[in-house]
Amino acid sequence: HKGAYILTNIEVCINMFLSLGNRGMAKTLGWIKAKPGETLAEINTQGVELNFSFGRRTTILGIVIMLLLAIQYIGAIYGIIKLSTTRNFMLISLFFLTVVYFSGVTGILGNYRFKLPVVPLICIAAGYGYANMKRQGSELSENI
């Protein structure tokens, strides 16, 4: 069914862009000994619980990754909003088409490592967003 396929792809794309991957990193660093299936990042209740149940170092790693993701995505969302207000549709199209392309190519196999080609674009959008925040903050302080 086409609807089920599309919904599965959307769910996997959300999983790909929001998963932490701290269990896989902890296994690579030798902090935990887990079976290969146990290190797959998943966005569901059991997956989130597992992210923080492999020990103190893995939990701290997960929190650091969550903070970095929040910094990236908050800045990127603000940057894309600012790009849309300046009507810079070429950059917005480049960003979204690249995200859609890599999301579609990975299909239902989406894993946190498959978002790596998109991370530079997310960081560029975040940098643009934070530069605009800084510029607006300096304009406000000059007006006061």
Protein backbone atom coordinates (compact mmCIF):
# COMPACT_ATOMS: atom_id res chain seq x y z
CA HIS A 1 0.00 0.00 0.00
CA LYS A 2 1.34 3.40 -0.99
CA GLY A 3 0.04 5.13 2.14
CA ALA A 4 1.75 2.69 4.49
CA TYR A 5 5.01 3.00 2.55
CA ILE A 6 4.92 6.80 2.73
CA LEU A 7 4.10 6.77 6.46
CA THR A 8 6.92 4.31 7.13
CA ASN A 9 9.37 6.52 5.22
CA ILE A 10 8.25 9.57 7.19
CA GLU A 11 8.67 7.70 10.49
CA VAL A 12 12.13 6.49 9.50
CA CYS A 13 13.18 9.99 8.39
CA ILE A 14 12.11 11.40 11.74
CA ASN A 15 14.06 8.59 13.39
CA MET A 16 17.08 9.35 11.22
CA PHE A 17 17.20 13.06 12.05
CA LEU A 18 16.28 12.85 15.75
CA SER A 19 18.00 9.70 16.96
CA LEU A 20 20.99 10.06 19.25
CA GLY A 21 23.23 7.17 18.25
CA ASN A 22 24.95 7.23 21.62
CA ARG A 23 24.67 3.44 22.05
CA GLY A 24 26.51 2.84 18.78
CA MET A 25 29.17 5.40 19.69
CA ALA A 26 29.59 3.90 23.16
CA LYS A 27 30.05 0.45 21.60
CA THR A 28 32.62 1.85 19.16
CA LEU A 29 34.50 3.46 22.06
CA GLY A 30 34.45 0.14 23.92
CA TRP A 31 32.32 1.45 26.78
CA ILE A 32 29.62 -1.20 26.36
CA LYS A 33 29.39 -4.69 24.96
CA ALA A 34 26.15 -4.93 23.03
CA LYS A 35 24.83 -7.06 20.23
CA PRO A 36 24.61 -5.26 16.86
CA GLY A 37 20.80 -4.97 17.04
CA GLU A 38 21.00 -3.32 20.46
CA THR A 39 22.94 -0.33 19.19
CA LEU A 40 20.46 0.73 16.50
CA ALA A 41 19.00 4.13 17.32
CA GLU A 42 15.24 4.20 17.51
CA ILE A 43 12.68 6.83 18.39
CA ASN A 44 10.21 4.90 20.48
CA THR A 45 9.71 4.31 24.19
CA GLN A 46 12.02 1.31 24.41
CA GLY A 47 14.67 2.97 22.22
CA VAL A 48 14.74 6.14 24.32
CA GLU A 49 14.96 4.10 27.52
CA LEU A 50 17.81 2.04 26.08
CA ASN A 51 19.73 5.21 25.16
CA PHE A 52 20.10 5.98 28.85
CA SER A 53 20.34 2.50 30.37
CA PHE A 54 23.88 1.47 29.38
CA GLY A 55 25.74 3.30 32.13
CA ARG A 56 26.83 6.72 33.22
CA ARG A 57 29.22 7.53 30.36
CA THR A 58 26.66 6.52 27.72
CA THR A 59 24.01 8.65 29.43
CA ILE A 60 26.33 11.68 29.51
CA LEU A 61 27.18 11.08 25.84
CA GLY A 62 23.44 10.97 25.02
CA ILE A 63 22.81 14.25 26.86
CA VAL A 64 25.70 15.96 25.04
CA ILE A 65 24.38 14.71 21.70
CA MET A 66 20.87 15.95 22.59
CA LEU A 67 22.25 19.41 23.36
CA LEU A 68 24.22 19.52 20.10
CA LEU A 69 21.16 18.42 18.12
CA ALA A 70 19.05 21.07 19.85
CA ILE A 71 21.61 23.78 19.07
CA GLN A 72 21.78 22.69 15.43
CA TYR A 73 18.05 22.29 14.83
CA ILE A 74 16.92 25.43 16.70
CA GLY A 75 19.43 27.54 14.77
CA ALA A 76 18.57 25.82 11.48
CA ILE A 77 14.83 26.36 11.94
CA TYR A 78 15.41 30.03 12.77
CA GLY A 79 17.79 30.38 9.82
CA ILE A 80 15.28 28.85 7.40
CA ILE A 81 12.56 31.15 8.73
CA LYS A 82 14.85 34.16 8.19
CA LEU A 83 15.72 32.92 4.70
CA SER A 84 12.03 32.65 3.88
CA THR A 85 11.37 36.19 5.12
CA THR A 86 14.14 37.49 2.84
CA ARG A 87 12.60 35.42 0.03
CA ASN A 88 15.82 33.52 -0.66
CA PHE A 89 14.03 30.55 -2.16
CA MET A 90 17.07 29.17 -3.99
CA LEU A 91 18.86 28.31 -0.73
CA ILE A 92 15.67 27.04 0.88
CA SER A 93 15.04 24.82 -2.14
CA LEU A 94 18.62 23.52 -2.06
CA PHE A 95 18.27 22.69 1.64
CA PHE A 96 14.89 20.95 1.41
CA LEU A 97 15.60 19.09 -1.83
CA THR A 98 18.85 17.73 -0.38
CA VAL A 99 17.05 16.62 2.79
CA VAL A 100 14.25 15.01 0.76
CA TYR A 101 16.75 13.32 -1.57
CA PHE A 102 18.77 11.69 1.20
CA SER A 103 15.62 10.80 3.11
CA GLY A 104 14.18 9.13 0.02
CA VAL A 105 17.40 7.34 -0.96
CA THR A 106 17.82 5.76 2.46
CA GLY A 107 14.18 4.69 2.45
CA ILE A 108 13.14 2.52 5.34
CA LEU A 109 16.77 1.84 6.28
CA GLY A 110 17.23 5.33 7.71
CA ASN A 111 19.73 5.37 10.55
CA TYR A 112 21.47 8.26 12.28
CA ARG A 113 24.60 7.80 10.18
CA PHE A 114 22.66 8.41 6.95
CA LYS A 115 21.99 12.03 7.91
CA LEU A 116 25.71 12.90 7.73
CA PRO A 117 25.55 14.28 4.14
CA VAL A 118 22.83 16.70 5.29
CA VAL A 119 24.56 17.85 8.49
CA PRO A 120 26.70 20.53 6.72
CA LEU A 121 23.53 22.13 5.34
CA ILE A 122 21.91 22.00 8.77
CA CYS A 123 24.98 23.67 10.27
CA ILE A 124 25.05 26.36 7.55
CA ALA A 125 21.37 27.13 8.17
CA ALA A 126 22.04 27.16 11.93
CA GLY A 127 24.99 29.52 11.48
CA TYR A 128 22.83 31.85 9.39
CA GLY A 129 20.12 31.71 12.06
CA TYR A 130 22.49 32.45 14.92
CA ALA A 131 24.18 35.26 12.95
CA ASN A 132 20.75 36.83 12.46
CA MET A 133 19.97 36.41 16.17
CA LYS A 134 23.25 38.13 17.06
CA ARG A 135 22.61 40.94 14.58
CA GLN A 136 19.09 41.50 15.93
CA GLY A 137 20.44 41.48 19.48
CA SER A 138 23.06 44.12 18.67
CA GLU A 139 20.44 46.27 16.90
CA LEU A 140 18.20 46.07 19.96
CA SER A 141 21.02 47.05 22.32
CA GLU A 142 21.92 50.04 20.12
CA ASN A 143 18.31 51.24 20.16
CA ILE A 144 18.08 51.09 23.95
